[in-house]
C-alpha atoms as a PDB file:
ATOM      1  CA  MET A   1       0.000   0.000   0.000  1.00  0.00           C
ATOM      2  CA  THR A   2       1.373   3.423  -0.937  1.00  0.00           C
ATOM      3  CA  GLU A   3       1.920   6.245   1.580  1.00  0.00           C
ATOM      4  CA  LYS A   4      -0.976   8.190   0.032  1.00  0.00           C
ATOM      5  CA  GLU A   5      -3.362   5.247   0.289  1.00  0.00           C
ATOM      6  CA  THR A   6      -2.333   4.656   3.899  1.00  0.00           C
ATOM      7  CA  LYS A   7      -2.996   8.312   4.747  1.00  0.00           C
ATOM      8  CA  MET A   8      -6.419   8.287   3.047  1.00  0.00           C
ATOM      9  CA  GLU A   9      -7.357   5.159   4.965  1.00  0.00           C
ATOM     10  CA  LYS A  10      -6.296   6.472   8.379  1.00  0.00           C
ATOM     11  CA  GLU A  11      -7.435  10.096   8.272  1.00  0.00           C
ATOM     12  CA  PRO A  12     -11.238   9.540   8.263  1.00  0.00           C
ATOM     13  CA  LEU A  13     -10.867   7.170  11.238  1.00  0.00           C
ATOM     14  CA  LYS A  14      -9.286   9.689  13.584  1.00  0.00           C
ATOM     15  CA  LYS A  15     -12.587  10.687  15.184  1.00  0.00           C
ATOM     16  CA  GLN A  16     -14.042   7.183  15.247  1.00  0.00           C
ATOM     17  CA  GLU A  17     -13.853   5.583  18.680  1.00  0.00           C
ATOM     18  CA  SER A  18     -13.066   1.924  19.252  1.00  0.00           C
ATOM     19  CA  GLN A  19     -16.031  -0.283  18.397  1.00  0.00           C
ATOM     20  CA  PHE A  20     -15.804  -1.847  21.875  1.00  0.00           C
ATOM     21  CA  GLU A  21     -15.683   1.430  23.769  1.00  0.00           C
ATOM     22  CA  GLY A  22     -18.749   1.967  25.919  1.00  0.00           C
ATOM     23  CA  ARG A  23     -20.128  -1.529  25.291  1.00  0.00           C
ATOM     24  CA  ASP A  24     -20.694  -4.513  27.531  1.00  0.00           C
ATOM     25  CA  PRO A  25     -17.616  -6.712  26.955  1.00  0.00           C
ATOM     26  CA  ALA A  26     -19.663  -9.897  27.310  1.00  0.00           C
ATOM     27  CA  THR A  27     -22.548  -9.106  24.925  1.00  0.00           C
ATOM     28  CA  GLY A  28     -21.342  -6.268  22.690  1.00  0.00           C
ATOM     29  CA  LEU A  29     -24.501  -4.320  23.568  1.00  0.00           C
ATOM     30  CA  LEU A  30     -24.627  -1.038  25.457  1.00  0.00           C
ATOM     31  CA  PRO A  31     -24.097  -1.452  29.221  1.00  0.00           C
ATOM     32  CA  GLU A  32     -27.133  -2.109  31.415  1.00  0.00           C
ATOM     33  CA  GLU A  33     -26.870   1.285  33.130  1.00  0.00           C
ATOM     34  CA  LYS A  34     -27.778   2.929  29.817  1.00  0.00           C
ATOM     35  CA  ALA A  35     -31.010   0.975  29.508  1.00  0.00           C
ATOM     36  CA  LYS A  36     -34.210   3.004  29.259  1.00  0.00           C
ATOM     37  CA  THR A  37     -37.803   1.860  29.287  1.00  0.00           C
ATOM     38  CA  GLU A  38     -39.961   2.324  26.220  1.00  0.00           C
ATOM     39  CA  GLU A  39     -41.996   4.849  28.176  1.00  0.00           C
ATOM     40  CA  GLU A  40     -38.889   6.965  28.773  1.00  0.00           C
ATOM     41  CA  THR A  41     -37.786   6.813  25.146  1.00  0.00           C
ATOM     42  CA  TRP A  42     -41.320   7.568  23.931  1.00  0.00           C
ATOM     43  CA  LYS A  43     -41.307  10.768  25.972  1.00  0.00           C
ATOM     44  CA  PHE A  44     -37.970  11.831  24.483  1.00  0.00           C
ATOM     45  CA  TYR A  45     -38.552  10.916  20.829  1.00  0.00           C
ATOM     46  CA  GLY A  46     -42.240  11.813  20.899  1.00  0.00           C
ATOM     47  CA  LYS A  47     -41.517  15.299  22.209  1.00  0.00           C
ATOM     48  CA  MET A  48     -38.686  15.814  19.728  1.00  0.00           C
ATOM     49  CA  GLN A  49     -40.679  14.581  16.725  1.00  0.00           C
ATOM     50  CA  GLY A  50     -43.787  16.477  17.732  1.00  0.00           C
ATOM     51  CA  THR A  51     -41.826  19.715  18.107  1.00  0.00           C
ATOM     52  CA  ILE A  52     -40.199  19.298  14.698  1.00  0.00           C
ATOM     53  CA  SER A  53     -43.309  18.141  12.796  1.00  0.00           C
ATOM     54  CA  PHE A  54     -45.943  20.384  14.347  1.00  0.00           C
ATOM     55  CA  VAL A  55     -44.000  23.475  15.452  1.00  0.00           C
ATOM     56  CA  ILE A  56     -40.636  24.022  13.762  1.00  0.00           C
ATOM     57  CA  ALA A  57     -41.455  22.712  10.261  1.00  0.00           C
ATOM     58  CA  PRO A  58     -44.797  24.590   9.927  1.00  0.00           C
ATOM     59  CA  ILE A  59     -43.182  27.809  11.158  1.00  0.00           C
ATOM     60  CA  ILE A  60     -40.364  27.495   8.612  1.00  0.00           C
ATOM     61  CA  ALA A  61     -42.812  26.579   5.841  1.00  0.00           C
ATOM     62  CA  GLY A  62     -45.101  29.507   6.655  1.00  0.00           C
ATOM     63  CA  THR A  63     -42.240  31.992   7.025  1.00  0.00           C
ATOM     64  CA  VAL A  64     -40.661  31.069   3.685  1.00  0.00           C
ATOM     65  CA  LEU A  65     -44.036  31.046   1.942  1.00  0.00           C
ATOM     66  CA  GLY A  66     -44.944  34.428   3.396  1.00  0.00           C
ATOM     67  CA  ALA A  67     -41.608  35.958   2.386  1.00  0.00           C
ATOM     68  CA  VAL A  68     -41.826  34.655  -1.171  1.00  0.00           C
ATOM     69  CA  THR A  69     -45.452  35.760  -1.533  1.00  0.00           C
ATOM     70  CA  TYR A  70     -44.638  39.218  -0.200  1.00  0.00           C
ATOM     71  CA  CYS A  71     -41.508  39.788  -2.309  1.00  0.00           C
ATOM     72  CA  PHE A  72     -42.570  38.226  -5.595  1.00  0.00           C
ATOM     73  CA  GLU A  73     -45.720  38.012  -7.645  1.00  0.00           C
ATOM     74  CA  THR A  74     -46.833  34.396  -7.488  1.00  0.00           C
ATOM     75  CA  SER A  75     -49.633  32.280  -8.895  1.00  0.00           C
ATOM     76  CA  ILE A  76     -50.003  30.150  -5.765  1.00  0.00           C
ATOM     77  CA  ALA A  77     -53.598  31.278  -5.175  1.00  0.00           C
ATOM     78  CA  THR A  78     -54.519  30.363  -8.753  1.00  0.00           C
ATOM     79  CA  LYS A  79     -52.965  26.920  -8.364  1.00  0.00           C
ATOM     80  CA  LEU A  80     -54.825  26.362  -5.119  1.00  0.00           C
ATOM     81  CA  ASP A  81     -58.068  27.269  -6.913  1.00  0.00           C
ATOM     82  CA  VAL A  82     -57.346  24.603  -9.540  1.00  0.00           C
ATOM     83  CA  ILE A  83     -56.648  22.010  -6.831  1.00  0.00           C
ATOM     84  CA  ARG A  84     -59.828  23.049  -5.036  1.00  0.00           C
ATOM     85  CA  THR A  85     -61.936  22.918  -8.226  1.00  0.00           C
ATOM     86  CA  TYR A  86     -60.870  19.395  -9.133  1.00  0.00           C
ATOM     87  CA  GLY A  87     -60.864  18.020  -5.609  1.00  0.00           C
ATOM     88  CA  LEU A  88     -57.138  17.335  -5.662  1.00  0.00           C
ATOM     89  CA  GLY A  89     -56.725  18.372  -2.054  1.00  0.00           C
ATOM     90  CA  TYR A  90     -57.481  14.761  -1.156  1.00  0.00           C
ATOM     91  CA  VAL A  91     -54.196  13.756  -2.792  1.00  0.00           C
ATOM     92  CA  TYR A  92     -52.285  16.045  -0.436  1.00  0.00           C
ATOM     93  CA  ALA A  93     -54.299  14.947   2.585  1.00  0.00           C
ATOM     94  CA  SER A  94     -53.733  11.280   1.718  1.00  0.00           C
ATOM     95  CA  TRP A  95     -49.999  11.854   1.320  1.00  0.00           C
ATOM     96  CA  TYR A  96     -49.868  13.519   4.723  1.00  0.00           C
ATOM     97  CA  LEU A  97     -51.640  10.600   6.398  1.00  0.00           C
ATOM     98  CA  VAL A  98     -49.128   8.181   4.870  1.00  0.00           C
ATOM     99  CA  PHE A  99     -46.349  10.450   6.128  1.00  0.00           C
ATOM    100  CA  LEU A 100     -47.772  10.321   9.664  1.00  0.00           C
ATOM    101  CA  GLY A 101     -47.947   6.523   9.504  1.00  0.00           C
ATOM    102  CA  ARG A 102     -44.334   6.246   8.371  1.00  0.00           C
ATOM    103  CA  THR A 103     -43.246   8.702  11.043  1.00  0.00           C
ATOM    104  CA  TYR A 104     -44.898   6.569  13.711  1.00  0.00           C
ATOM    105  CA  ALA A 105     -43.108   3.452  12.444  1.00  0.00           C
ATOM    106  CA  THR A 106     -39.760   5.261  12.704  1.00  0.00           C
ATOM    107  CA  LEU A 107     -40.547   6.460  16.222  1.00  0.00           C
ATOM    108  CA  ASN A 108     -41.617   2.972  17.226  1.00  0.00           C
ATOM    109  CA  ALA A 109     -38.262   1.514  16.100  1.00  0.00           C
ATOM    110  CA  ASN A 110     -36.258   4.230  17.865  1.00  0.00           C
ATOM    111  CA  VAL A 111     -38.227   3.712  21.062  1.00  0.00           C
ATOM    112  CA  ALA A 112     -37.417  -0.005  21.057  1.00  0.00           C
ATOM    113  CA  ARG A 113     -33.692   0.753  21.118  1.00  0.00           C
ATOM    114  CA  GLY A 114     -33.855   1.926  24.738  1.00  0.00           C
ATOM    115  CA  PRO A 115     -34.488  -1.393  26.472  1.00  0.00           C
ATOM    116  CA  ALA A 116     -32.746  -3.423  23.719  1.00  0.00           C
ATOM    117  CA  LEU A 117     -29.416  -1.621  24.276  1.00  0.00           C
ATOM    118  CA  VAL A 118     -28.655  -1.815  20.548  1.00  0.00           C
ATOM    119  CA  ASP A 119     -26.599   1.174  19.439  1.00  0.00           C
ATOM    120  CA  ARG A 120     -26.293   2.649  15.953  1.00  0.00           C
ATOM    121  CA  PRO A 121     -25.390   1.785  13.217  1.00  0.00           C
ATOM    122  CA  ASP A 122     -26.964  -1.613  14.059  1.00  0.00           C
ATOM    123  CA  GLN A 123     -30.564  -2.010  12.919  1.00  0.00           C
ATOM    124  CA  TYR A 124     -30.806  -5.654  13.952  1.00  0.00           C
ATOM    125  CA  CYS A 125     -29.258  -7.795  16.665  1.00  0.00           C
ATOM    126  CA  TYR A 126     -28.550 -11.451  15.925  1.00  0.00           C
ATOM    127  CA  GLN A 127     -27.816 -14.459  18.064  1.00  0.00           C
ATOM    128  CA  ILE A 128     -26.922 -18.084  17.473  1.00  0.00           C
ATOM    129  CA  MET A 129     -30.153 -20.010  18.001  1.00  0.00           C
ATOM    130  CA  ALA A 130     -28.840 -22.655  20.403  1.00  0.00           C
ATOM    131  CA  GLU A 131     -30.910 -23.398  23.477  1.00  0.00           C
ATOM    132  CA  LYS A 132     -28.207 -25.627  24.987  1.00  0.00           C
ATOM    133  CA  GLY A 133     -24.519 -26.280  24.488  1.00  0.00           C
ATOM    134  CA  ASP A 134     -21.457 -24.101  23.975  1.00  0.00           C
ATOM    135  CA  PHE A 135     -23.242 -21.553  21.806  1.00  0.00           C
ATOM    136  CA  ALA A 136     -26.213 -20.994  24.126  1.00  0.00           C
ATOM    137  CA  LYS A 137     -24.483 -18.061  25.829  1.00  0.00           C
ATOM    138  CA  ALA A 138     -22.594 -16.772  22.813  1.00  0.00           C
ATOM    139  CA  PRO A 139     -22.295 -12.962  22.394  1.00  0.00           C
ATOM    140  CA  LYS A 140     -24.726 -11.134  20.136  1.00  0.00           C
ATOM    141  CA  VAL A 141     -23.791 -10.740  16.482  1.00  0.00           C
ATOM    142  CA  LEU A 142     -23.498  -7.069  15.533  1.00  0.00           C
ATOM    143  CA  LEU A 143     -22.047  -4.968  12.734  1.00  0.00           C
ATOM    144  CA  THR A 144     -18.312  -4.389  12.595  1.00  0.00           C
ATOM    145  CA  ASN A 145     -17.889  -0.712  13.389  1.00  0.00           C
ATOM    146  CA  GLU A 146     -14.138  -0.214  13.095  1.00  0.00           C
ATOM    147  CA  GLY A 147     -11.564   0.021  10.311  1.00  0.00           C
ATOM    148  CA  PRO A 148     -12.375  -0.199   6.578  1.00  0.00           C
ATOM    149  CA  VAL A 149     -15.175  -2.727   7.185  1.00  0.00           C
ATOM    150  CA  GLY A 150     -16.729  -0.394   9.740  1.00  0.00           C
ATOM    151  CA  ARG A 151     -16.575   2.480   7.264  1.00  0.00           C
ATOM    152  CA  PHE A 152     -18.270   0.269   4.682  1.00  0.00           C
ATOM    153  CA  ASN A 153     -21.016  -0.728   7.118  1.00  0.00           C
ATOM    154  CA  ARG A 154     -21.708   2.852   8.120  1.00  0.00           C
ATOM    155  CA  ALA A 155     -21.712   4.006   4.488  1.00  0.00           C
ATOM    156  CA  GLN A 156     -24.245   1.279   3.717  1.00  0.00           C
ATOM    157  CA  ARG A 157     -26.362   2.293   6.698  1.00  0.00           C
ATOM    158  CA  ALA A 158     -26.346   5.908   5.493  1.00  0.00           C
ATOM    159  CA  CYS A 159     -27.707   4.706   2.135  1.00  0.00           C
ATOM    160  CA  GLY A 160     -30.338   2.617   3.854  1.00  0.00           C
ATOM    161  CA  ASN A 161     -31.411   5.474   6.088  1.00  0.00           C
ATOM    162  CA  LEU A 162     -31.842   7.808   3.133  1.00  0.00           C
ATOM    163  CA  ASP A 163     -33.675   5.147   1.112  1.00  0.00           C
ATOM    164  CA  GLU A 164     -36.220   4.699   3.900  1.00  0.00           C
ATOM    165  CA  SER A 165     -37.519   8.245   3.528  1.00  0.00           C
ATOM    166  CA  LEU A 166     -36.849   8.798  -0.177  1.00  0.00           C
ATOM    167  CA  PRO A 167     -40.188   7.556  -1.653  1.00  0.00           C
ATOM    168  CA  LEU A 168     -42.255   9.864   0.547  1.00  0.00           C
ATOM    169  CA  PHE A 169     -39.927  12.815   0.082  1.00  0.00           C
ATOM    170  CA  ALA A 170     -39.745  12.387  -3.707  1.00  0.00           C
ATOM    171  CA  THR A 171     -43.519  12.208  -4.111  1.00  0.00           C
ATOM    172  CA  GLY A 172     -43.977  15.106  -1.690  1.00  0.00           C
ATOM    173  CA  ILE A 173     -41.527  17.194  -3.707  1.00  0.00           C
ATOM    174  CA  VAL A 174     -43.545  16.560  -6.881  1.00  0.00           C
ATOM    175  CA  LEU A 175     -46.798  17.536  -5.171  1.00  0.00           C
ATOM    176  CA  ASN A 176     -45.287  20.666  -3.667  1.00  0.00           C
ATOM    177  CA  ALA A 177     -43.496  21.769  -6.833  1.00  0.00           C
ATOM    178  CA  ALA A 178     -46.840  21.917  -8.636  1.00  0.00           C
ATOM    179  CA  VAL A 179     -47.907  24.654  -6.224  1.00  0.00           C
ATOM    180  CA  PHE A 180     -44.844  26.287  -4.695  1.00  0.00           C
ATOM    181  CA  GLY A 181     -42.288  25.998  -7.513  1.00  0.00           C
ATOM    182  CA  PRO A 182     -38.944  27.602  -6.536  1.00  0.00           C
ATOM    183  CA  ILE A 183     -39.613  27.146  -2.824  1.00  0.00           C
ATOM    184  CA  THR A 184     -39.543  23.417  -3.416  1.00  0.00           C
ATOM    185  CA  LEU A 185     -36.292  23.724  -5.339  1.00  0.00           C
ATOM    186  CA  PHE A 186     -34.647  25.410  -2.357  1.00  0.00           C
ATOM    187  CA  PHE A 187     -35.538  22.575   0.019  1.00  0.00           C
ATOM    188  CA  ALA A 188     -34.558  19.970  -2.570  1.00  0.00           C
ATOM    189  CA  ALA A 189     -31.130  21.625  -2.754  1.00  0.00           C
ATOM    190  CA  MET A 190     -30.880  21.523   1.044  1.00  0.00           C
ATOM    191  CA  TYR A 191     -31.757  17.827   0.984  1.00  0.00           C
ATOM    192  CA  CYS A 192     -29.131  17.184  -1.693  1.00  0.00           C
ATOM    193  CA  TYR A 193     -26.449  18.817   0.450  1.00  0.00           C
ATOM    194  CA  GLY A 194     -27.740  16.939   3.489  1.00  0.00           C
ATOM    195  CA  CYS A 195     -27.355  13.620   1.686  1.00  0.00           C
ATOM    196  CA  TYR A 196     -23.737  14.438   0.882  1.00  0.00           C
ATOM    197  CA  ARG A 197     -22.991  15.609   4.427  1.00  0.00           C
ATOM    198  CA  PHE A 198     -24.843  12.736   6.113  1.00  0.00           C
ATOM    199  CA  ALA A 199     -23.288   9.973   3.995  1.00  0.00           C
ATOM    200  CA  THR A 200     -19.774  11.382   4.290  1.00  0.00           C
ATOM    201  CA  ASP A 201     -19.933  12.029   8.027  1.00  0.00           C
ATOM    202  CA  TYR A 202     -21.667   8.747   8.878  1.00  0.00           C
ATOM    203  CA  LYS A 203     -18.947   6.847   7.042  1.00  0.00           C
ATOM    204  CA  ALA A 204     -16.352   8.693   9.122  1.00  0.00           C
ATOM    205  CA  GLY A 205     -18.037   7.929  12.440  1.00  0.00           C
ATOM    206  CA  THR A 206     -21.412   7.156  13.982  1.00  0.00           C
ATOM    207  CA  GLY A 207     -21.338  10.203  16.253  1.00  0.00           C
ATOM    208  CA  GLN A 208     -20.597  12.563  13.372  1.00  0.00           C
ATOM    209  CA  ARG A 209     -23.794  11.960  11.407  1.00  0.00           C
ATOM    210  CA  ARG A 210     -26.151  14.366  13.196  1.00  0.00           C
ATOM    211  CA  LYS A 211     -25.605  17.609  11.256  1.00  0.00           C
ATOM    212  CA  GLY A 212     -26.086  15.896   7.913  1.00  0.00           C
ATOM    213  CA  PHE A 213     -29.103  14.038   9.262  1.00  0.00           C
ATOM    214  CA  MET A 214     -30.778  17.293  10.272  1.00  0.00           C
ATOM    215  CA  CYS A 215     -30.109  18.740   6.804  1.00  0.00           C
ATOM    216  CA  THR A 216     -32.026  15.820   5.270  1.00  0.00           C
ATOM    217  CA  MET A 217     -34.782  15.569   7.864  1.00  0.00           C
ATOM    218  CA  LEU A 218     -35.739  19.256   7.847  1.00  0.00           C
ATOM    219  CA  PRO A 219     -36.646  19.383   4.115  1.00  0.00           C
ATOM    220  CA  ILE A 220     -38.735  16.234   4.557  1.00  0.00           C
ATOM    221  CA  GLN A 221     -40.602  17.752   7.496  1.00  0.00           C
ATOM    222  CA  VAL A 222     -41.135  21.065   5.682  1.00  0.00           C
ATOM    223  CA  THR A 223     -42.372  19.188   2.612  1.00  0.00           C
ATOM    224  CA  ALA A 224     -44.917  17.480   4.848  1.00  0.00           C
ATOM    225  CA  ALA A 225     -45.949  20.846   6.285  1.00  0.00           C
ATOM    226  CA  TYR A 226     -46.565  22.240   2.775  1.00  0.00           C
ATOM    227  CA  CYS A 227     -48.682  19.218   1.856  1.00  0.00           C
ATOM    228  CA  LEU A 228     -50.740  19.792   4.989  1.00  0.00           C
ATOM    229  CA  ILE A 229     -51.109  23.483   4.152  1.00  0.00           C
ATOM    230  CA  VAL A 230     -52.428  22.651   0.671  1.00  0.00           C
ATOM    231  CA  ALA A 231     -54.790  20.004   2.023  1.00  0.00           C
ATOM    232  CA  VAL A 232     -56.258  22.353   4.642  1.00  0.00           C
ATOM    233  CA  ALA A 233     -56.426  25.335   2.276  1.00  0.00           C
ATOM    234  CA  THR A 234     -58.236  23.423  -0.473  1.00  0.00           C
ATOM    235  CA  LEU A 235     -60.465  21.090   1.520  1.00  0.00           C
ATOM    236  CA  LEU A 236     -61.572  23.320   4.387  1.00  0.00           C
ATOM    237  CA  PHE A 237     -61.582  26.778   2.797  1.00  0.00           C
END
């Protein structure tokens, strides 16, 4: 291996802790003192998701929409009239209900992590199915999270995480672009940057993924807020 290749391999790993650090040495899971009940994790994730979905995202969506409407001549009202005339508000309302269902499923999985003591990037925890014998008390089987294989696993997890939300976000973008045009383009650009940041940082280390994750999650949440705005504006008014 050349000096350059060795440097490229080592540099991204500088901030990545040992894969055994902070884990139970016997099971590979998080230590028992970090265990939380599902009730405790529901309070944390439920409050966080509720704040983002029903407070922060609608405020951002409304602020941007108000600024664009005030500064530029737009045809948003005309487009809403078309949606209202043809009863297309039900499409937006249906999309939003699907979004809520998918959001619950994500929350439900995150909540289950508390008592399971399974840390990220693992999405599953495996064991050798032996009721008796030498393998009955074998450690859990988890992802390698160190070295080149760890970088590969985290890069794959970043792809999987983005894929989980992509169908809803892509369809929401199409629905929103029909009404809000350039506003949608702005949040699509933010999501594009977020994908780059999230994938790159997650590959470098599990604890470094958060900024990129927020840059992808916020456009998704704002997209949902715009779909809700259209549904309410065309079905109730």
